[in-house]
Amino acid sequence: MAAKQIQRATEVRPAPRWVAPVFAVLALLTLPWIGYLALTLPRHAVTVHYRAAWVGFDLGLVAMLGLTAVQAYRGHRQVVLAASATATMLVVDGWFDVITTPAGPDLVLSVVLAALVELPLAAVCVWIARHGDRMVERRLRQLAVRAELAADRAEAAERTATSARRRLSRVRSRLH
């Protein structure tokens, strides 16, 4: 029994214990709200700033794609967070593109873009988020190898310089 207590006491959790039950309750409490919205919202709505909403959302998506790229390039552990947020935004973008587009050629284009671009890219982002630690470890190993090679080169250059100084010293001593 003591071993289990020690294990629980030293266990590292990614989130405090209260997060799971609180978020589960929040999810359950949201279900009636969804039912209420489904019954009361109008089927059609005219909105102001529709264009600004989409342009703003897409600018946010571009920012998240860029952040994911930068974090991945730098081998930063936070690429996991950026990729998760980017995946979410891609799914939301595809969903709202398809749902808000009227029937016709534009709807076909929205479905094709969601199926061939947004959802596959979201899946790649989810893969990055799930494997981000491995990517960072690989990047750190690459940097360690580069540092070791640079140190070896510097050491070899120093040996060469030392050897050259010794030869020069011997030649000078013979001349004098």
C-alpha atoms as a PDB file:
ATOM      1  CA  MET A   1       0.000   0.000   0.000  1.00  0.00           C
ATOM      2  CA  ALA A   2       2.858   2.402   0.789  1.00  0.00           C
ATOM      3  CA  ALA A   3       4.271   2.037  -2.745  1.00  0.00           C
ATOM      4  CA  LYS A   4       0.965   3.143  -4.255  1.00  0.00           C
ATOM      5  CA  GLN A   5       0.796   6.131  -1.917  1.00  0.00           C
ATOM      6  CA  ILE A   6       4.327   7.134  -2.840  1.00  0.00           C
ATOM      7  CA  GLN A   7       3.531   6.763  -6.523  1.00  0.00           C
ATOM      8  CA  ARG A   8       0.388   8.937  -6.205  1.00  0.00           C
ATOM      9  CA  ALA A   9       2.280  11.522  -4.151  1.00  0.00           C
ATOM     10  CA  THR A  10       5.066  11.821  -6.728  1.00  0.00           C
ATOM     11  CA  GLU A  11       2.829  11.603  -9.794  1.00  0.00           C
ATOM     12  CA  VAL A  12       3.176  14.516 -12.185  1.00  0.00           C
ATOM     13  CA  ARG A  13      -0.165  15.481 -13.653  1.00  0.00           C
ATOM     14  CA  PRO A  14      -0.588  17.742 -16.677  1.00  0.00           C
ATOM     15  CA  ALA A  15      -3.503  19.536 -14.970  1.00  0.00           C
ATOM     16  CA  PRO A  16      -4.806  19.837 -11.410  1.00  0.00           C
ATOM     17  CA  ARG A  17      -7.203  17.109 -10.288  1.00  0.00           C
ATOM     18  CA  TRP A  18     -10.177  19.489 -10.157  1.00  0.00           C
ATOM     19  CA  VAL A  19      -9.994  20.243 -13.913  1.00  0.00           C
ATOM     20  CA  ALA A  20     -11.551  16.959 -15.089  1.00  0.00           C
ATOM     21  CA  PRO A  21     -14.692  17.019 -12.923  1.00  0.00           C
ATOM     22  CA  VAL A  22     -15.265  20.761 -13.381  1.00  0.00           C
ATOM     23  CA  PHE A  23     -14.976  20.552 -17.155  1.00  0.00           C
ATOM     24  CA  ALA A  24     -17.173  17.447 -17.286  1.00  0.00           C
ATOM     25  CA  VAL A  25     -19.877  19.321 -15.349  1.00  0.00           C
ATOM     26  CA  LEU A  26     -19.503  22.337 -17.630  1.00  0.00           C
ATOM     27  CA  ALA A  27     -19.905  20.101 -20.691  1.00  0.00           C
ATOM     28  CA  LEU A  28     -23.047  18.526 -19.234  1.00  0.00           C
ATOM     29  CA  LEU A  29     -24.493  21.908 -18.284  1.00  0.00           C
ATOM     30  CA  THR A  30     -23.939  23.157 -21.818  1.00  0.00           C
ATOM     31  CA  LEU A  31     -26.185  20.449 -23.328  1.00  0.00           C
ATOM     32  CA  PRO A  32     -29.469  22.065 -22.210  1.00  0.00           C
ATOM     33  CA  TRP A  33     -28.239  25.394 -23.581  1.00  0.00           C
ATOM     34  CA  ILE A  34     -27.635  23.759 -26.959  1.00  0.00           C
ATOM     35  CA  GLY A  35     -31.183  22.363 -26.873  1.00  0.00           C
ATOM     36  CA  TYR A  36     -32.555  25.800 -26.042  1.00  0.00           C
ATOM     37  CA  LEU A  37     -30.637  27.377 -28.936  1.00  0.00           C
ATOM     38  CA  ALA A  38     -31.752  24.649 -31.333  1.00  0.00           C
ATOM     39  CA  LEU A  39     -35.395  25.373 -30.474  1.00  0.00           C
ATOM     40  CA  THR A  40     -35.329  29.171 -30.281  1.00  0.00           C
ATOM     41  CA  LEU A  41     -32.784  30.566 -32.759  1.00  0.00           C
ATOM     42  CA  PRO A  42     -34.150  31.687 -36.128  1.00  0.00           C
ATOM     43  CA  ARG A  43     -33.323  29.503 -39.133  1.00  0.00           C
ATOM     44  CA  HIS A  44     -32.151  32.552 -41.091  1.00  0.00           C
ATOM     45  CA  ALA A  45     -30.452  35.660 -39.770  1.00  0.00           C
ATOM     46  CA  VAL A  46     -29.055  38.805 -41.309  1.00  0.00           C
ATOM     47  CA  THR A  47     -25.903  39.919 -39.568  1.00  0.00           C
ATOM     48  CA  VAL A  48     -23.910  43.098 -39.522  1.00  0.00           C
ATOM     49  CA  HIS A  49     -20.160  42.935 -40.003  1.00  0.00           C
ATOM     50  CA  TYR A  50     -20.406  39.495 -41.639  1.00  0.00           C
ATOM     51  CA  ARG A  51     -17.440  40.223 -43.894  1.00  0.00           C
ATOM     52  CA  ALA A  52     -15.366  41.598 -41.016  1.00  0.00           C
ATOM     53  CA  ALA A  53     -16.114  38.498 -38.942  1.00  0.00           C
ATOM     54  CA  TRP A  54     -14.833  36.173 -41.668  1.00  0.00           C
ATOM     55  CA  VAL A  55     -11.828  38.287 -42.579  1.00  0.00           C
ATOM     56  CA  GLY A  56     -10.923  38.626 -38.892  1.00  0.00           C
ATOM     57  CA  PHE A  57     -11.294  34.904 -38.325  1.00  0.00           C
ATOM     58  CA  ASP A  58      -9.142  34.090 -41.348  1.00  0.00           C
ATOM     59  CA  LEU A  59      -6.492  36.572 -40.162  1.00  0.00           C
ATOM     60  CA  GLY A  60      -6.472  34.747 -36.832  1.00  0.00           C
ATOM     61  CA  LEU A  61      -6.117  31.457 -38.695  1.00  0.00           C
ATOM     62  CA  VAL A  62      -3.160  32.844 -40.650  1.00  0.00           C
ATOM     63  CA  ALA A  63      -1.582  33.979 -37.372  1.00  0.00           C
ATOM     64  CA  MET A  64      -2.003  30.512 -35.853  1.00  0.00           C
ATOM     65  CA  LEU A  65      -0.610  28.797 -38.970  1.00  0.00           C
ATOM     66  CA  GLY A  66       2.372  31.156 -38.801  1.00  0.00           C
ATOM     67  CA  LEU A  67       2.854  30.596 -35.074  1.00  0.00           C
ATOM     68  CA  THR A  68       2.755  26.832 -35.593  1.00  0.00           C
ATOM     69  CA  ALA A  69       5.363  27.179 -38.345  1.00  0.00           C
ATOM     70  CA  VAL A  70       7.664  29.341 -36.211  1.00  0.00           C
ATOM     71  CA  GLN A  71       7.348  27.116 -33.145  1.00  0.00           C
ATOM     72  CA  ALA A  72       7.997  23.991 -35.239  1.00  0.00           C
ATOM     73  CA  TYR A  73      11.021  25.595 -36.925  1.00  0.00           C
ATOM     74  CA  ARG A  74      12.495  26.605 -33.578  1.00  0.00           C
ATOM     75  CA  GLY A  75      11.788  23.182 -32.098  1.00  0.00           C
ATOM     76  CA  HIS A  76       9.871  24.844 -29.273  1.00  0.00           C
ATOM     77  CA  ARG A  77       7.702  22.687 -27.031  1.00  0.00           C
ATOM     78  CA  GLN A  78       4.819  25.131 -27.395  1.00  0.00           C
ATOM     79  CA  VAL A  79       4.320  23.959 -30.972  1.00  0.00           C
ATOM     80  CA  VAL A  80       1.895  21.501 -29.361  1.00  0.00           C
ATOM     81  CA  LEU A  81      -0.319  24.358 -28.176  1.00  0.00           C
ATOM     82  CA  ALA A  82      -0.106  26.266 -31.440  1.00  0.00           C
ATOM     83  CA  ALA A  83      -0.911  23.150 -33.485  1.00  0.00           C
ATOM     84  CA  SER A  84      -3.890  22.348 -31.226  1.00  0.00           C
ATOM     85  CA  ALA A  85      -5.294  25.848 -31.616  1.00  0.00           C
ATOM     86  CA  THR A  86      -4.668  25.780 -35.370  1.00  0.00           C
ATOM     87  CA  ALA A  87      -6.451  22.438 -35.717  1.00  0.00           C
ATOM     88  CA  THR A  88      -9.420  23.820 -33.833  1.00  0.00           C
ATOM     89  CA  MET A  89      -9.571  26.915 -36.002  1.00  0.00           C
ATOM     90  CA  LEU A  90      -9.338  24.849 -39.195  1.00  0.00           C
ATOM     91  CA  VAL A  91     -12.241  22.608 -38.135  1.00  0.00           C
ATOM     92  CA  VAL A  92     -14.342  25.618 -37.120  1.00  0.00           C
ATOM     93  CA  ASP A  93     -13.496  27.350 -40.411  1.00  0.00           C
ATOM     94  CA  GLY A  94     -14.539  24.335 -42.452  1.00  0.00           C
ATOM     95  CA  TRP A  95     -17.720  23.849 -40.414  1.00  0.00           C
ATOM     96  CA  PHE A  96     -18.902  27.434 -40.716  1.00  0.00           C
ATOM     97  CA  ASP A  97     -17.891  27.696 -44.385  1.00  0.00           C
ATOM     98  CA  VAL A  98     -20.085  24.704 -45.205  1.00  0.00           C
ATOM     99  CA  ILE A  99     -22.964  25.578 -42.888  1.00  0.00           C
ATOM    100  CA  THR A 100     -23.251  29.253 -43.850  1.00  0.00           C
ATOM    101  CA  THR A 101     -22.921  28.826 -47.627  1.00  0.00           C
ATOM    102  CA  PRO A 102     -26.179  28.679 -49.589  1.00  0.00           C
ATOM    103  CA  ALA A 103     -26.848  25.740 -51.910  1.00  0.00           C
ATOM    104  CA  GLY A 104     -25.148  25.946 -55.285  1.00  0.00           C
ATOM    105  CA  PRO A 105     -21.625  26.053 -56.695  1.00  0.00           C
ATOM    106  CA  ASP A 106     -20.274  27.991 -53.681  1.00  0.00           C
ATOM    107  CA  LEU A 107     -21.482  25.240 -51.340  1.00  0.00           C
ATOM    108  CA  VAL A 108     -19.764  22.600 -53.485  1.00  0.00           C
ATOM    109  CA  LEU A 109     -16.541  24.633 -53.295  1.00  0.00           C
ATOM    110  CA  SER A 110     -16.902  24.981 -49.513  1.00  0.00           C
ATOM    111  CA  VAL A 111     -17.388  21.232 -49.089  1.00  0.00           C
ATOM    112  CA  VAL A 112     -14.429  20.438 -51.357  1.00  0.00           C
ATOM    113  CA  LEU A 113     -12.170  22.893 -49.536  1.00  0.00           C
ATOM    114  CA  ALA A 114     -13.238  21.538 -46.144  1.00  0.00           C
ATOM    115  CA  ALA A 115     -12.717  17.925 -47.231  1.00  0.00           C
ATOM    116  CA  LEU A 116      -9.455  18.406 -49.138  1.00  0.00           C
ATOM    117  CA  VAL A 117      -7.750  21.294 -47.338  1.00  0.00           C
ATOM    118  CA  GLU A 118      -9.080  22.311 -43.934  1.00  0.00           C
ATOM    119  CA  LEU A 119      -9.838  18.922 -42.385  1.00  0.00           C
ATOM    120  CA  PRO A 120      -6.654  17.176 -43.645  1.00  0.00           C
ATOM    121  CA  LEU A 121      -4.562  20.128 -42.450  1.00  0.00           C
ATOM    122  CA  ALA A 122      -6.370  19.983 -39.096  1.00  0.00           C
ATOM    123  CA  ALA A 123      -5.465  16.281 -38.920  1.00  0.00           C
ATOM    124  CA  VAL A 124      -1.803  17.148 -39.542  1.00  0.00           C
ATOM    125  CA  CYS A 125      -2.001  19.730 -36.758  1.00  0.00           C
ATOM    126  CA  VAL A 126      -3.496  17.133 -34.410  1.00  0.00           C
ATOM    127  CA  TRP A 127      -0.656  14.772 -35.345  1.00  0.00           C
ATOM    128  CA  ILE A 128       1.867  17.530 -34.556  1.00  0.00           C
ATOM    129  CA  ALA A 129       0.152  18.175 -31.233  1.00  0.00           C
ATOM    130  CA  ARG A 130       0.212  14.477 -30.339  1.00  0.00           C
ATOM    131  CA  HIS A 131       3.843  14.000 -31.410  1.00  0.00           C
ATOM    132  CA  GLY A 132       5.269  17.422 -30.550  1.00  0.00           C
ATOM    133  CA  ASP A 133       7.440  16.159 -27.729  1.00  0.00           C
ATOM    134  CA  ARG A 134       9.089  13.659 -30.076  1.00  0.00           C
ATOM    135  CA  MET A 135       9.724  16.408 -32.610  1.00  0.00           C
ATOM    136  CA  VAL A 136      11.294  18.629 -29.957  1.00  0.00           C
ATOM    137  CA  GLU A 137      13.463  15.770 -28.681  1.00  0.00           C
ATOM    138  CA  ARG A 138      14.639  15.068 -32.233  1.00  0.00           C
ATOM    139  CA  ARG A 139      15.438  18.756 -32.757  1.00  0.00           C
ATOM    140  CA  LEU A 140      17.369  18.871 -29.471  1.00  0.00           C
ATOM    141  CA  ARG A 141      19.375  15.794 -30.514  1.00  0.00           C
ATOM    142  CA  GLN A 142      20.163  17.455 -33.857  1.00  0.00           C
ATOM    143  CA  LEU A 143      21.336  20.601 -32.072  1.00  0.00           C
ATOM    144  CA  ALA A 144      23.465  18.529 -29.676  1.00  0.00           C
ATOM    145  CA  VAL A 145      25.114  16.735 -32.605  1.00  0.00           C
ATOM    146  CA  ARG A 146      25.788  20.085 -34.319  1.00  0.00           C
ATOM    147  CA  ALA A 147      27.283  21.478 -31.115  1.00  0.00           C
ATOM    148  CA  GLU A 148      29.466  18.399 -30.731  1.00  0.00           C
ATOM    149  CA  LEU A 149      30.654  18.672 -34.340  1.00  0.00           C
ATOM    150  CA  ALA A 150      31.431  22.363 -33.859  1.00  0.00           C
ATOM    151  CA  ALA A 151      33.382  21.569 -30.694  1.00  0.00           C
ATOM    152  CA  ASP A 152      35.289  18.808 -32.542  1.00  0.00           C
ATOM    153  CA  ARG A 153      36.119  21.219 -35.377  1.00  0.00           C
ATOM    154  CA  ALA A 154      37.279  23.868 -32.924  1.00  0.00           C
ATOM    155  CA  GLU A 155      39.421  21.311 -31.114  1.00  0.00           C
ATOM    156  CA  ALA A 156      40.921  20.100 -34.399  1.00  0.00           C
ATOM    157  CA  ALA A 157      41.634  23.680 -35.457  1.00  0.00           C
ATOM    158  CA  GLU A 158      43.312  24.328 -32.106  1.00  0.00           C
ATOM    159  CA  ARG A 159      45.459  21.177 -32.491  1.00  0.00           C
ATOM    160  CA  THR A 160      46.431  22.281 -35.986  1.00  0.00           C
ATOM    161  CA  ALA A 161      47.313  25.763 -34.768  1.00  0.00           C
ATOM    162  CA  THR A 162      49.306  24.372 -31.832  1.00  0.00           C
ATOM    163  CA  SER A 163      51.139  21.976 -34.141  1.00  0.00           C
ATOM    164  CA  ALA A 164      51.929  24.804 -36.554  1.00  0.00           C
ATOM    165  CA  ARG A 165      53.254  26.982 -33.695  1.00  0.00           C
ATOM    166  CA  ARG A 166      55.499  24.115 -32.515  1.00  0.00           C
ATOM    167  CA  ARG A 167      56.904  23.570 -36.022  1.00  0.00           C
ATOM    168  CA  LEU A 168      57.489  27.289 -36.415  1.00  0.00           C
ATOM    169  CA  SER A 169      59.221  27.395 -33.039  1.00  0.00           C
ATOM    170  CA  ARG A 170      61.487  24.475 -34.021  1.00  0.00           C
ATOM    171  CA  VAL A 171      62.367  26.116 -37.328  1.00  0.00           C
ATOM    172  CA  ARG A 172      63.188  29.387 -35.563  1.00  0.00           C
ATOM    173  CA  SER A 173      65.332  27.593 -33.000  1.00  0.00           C
ATOM    174  CA  ARG A 174      67.308  25.891 -35.762  1.00  0.00           C
ATOM    175  CA  LEU A 175      67.887  29.202 -37.497  1.00  0.00           C
ATOM    176  CA  HIS A 176      69.281  30.861 -34.373  1.00  0.00           C
END
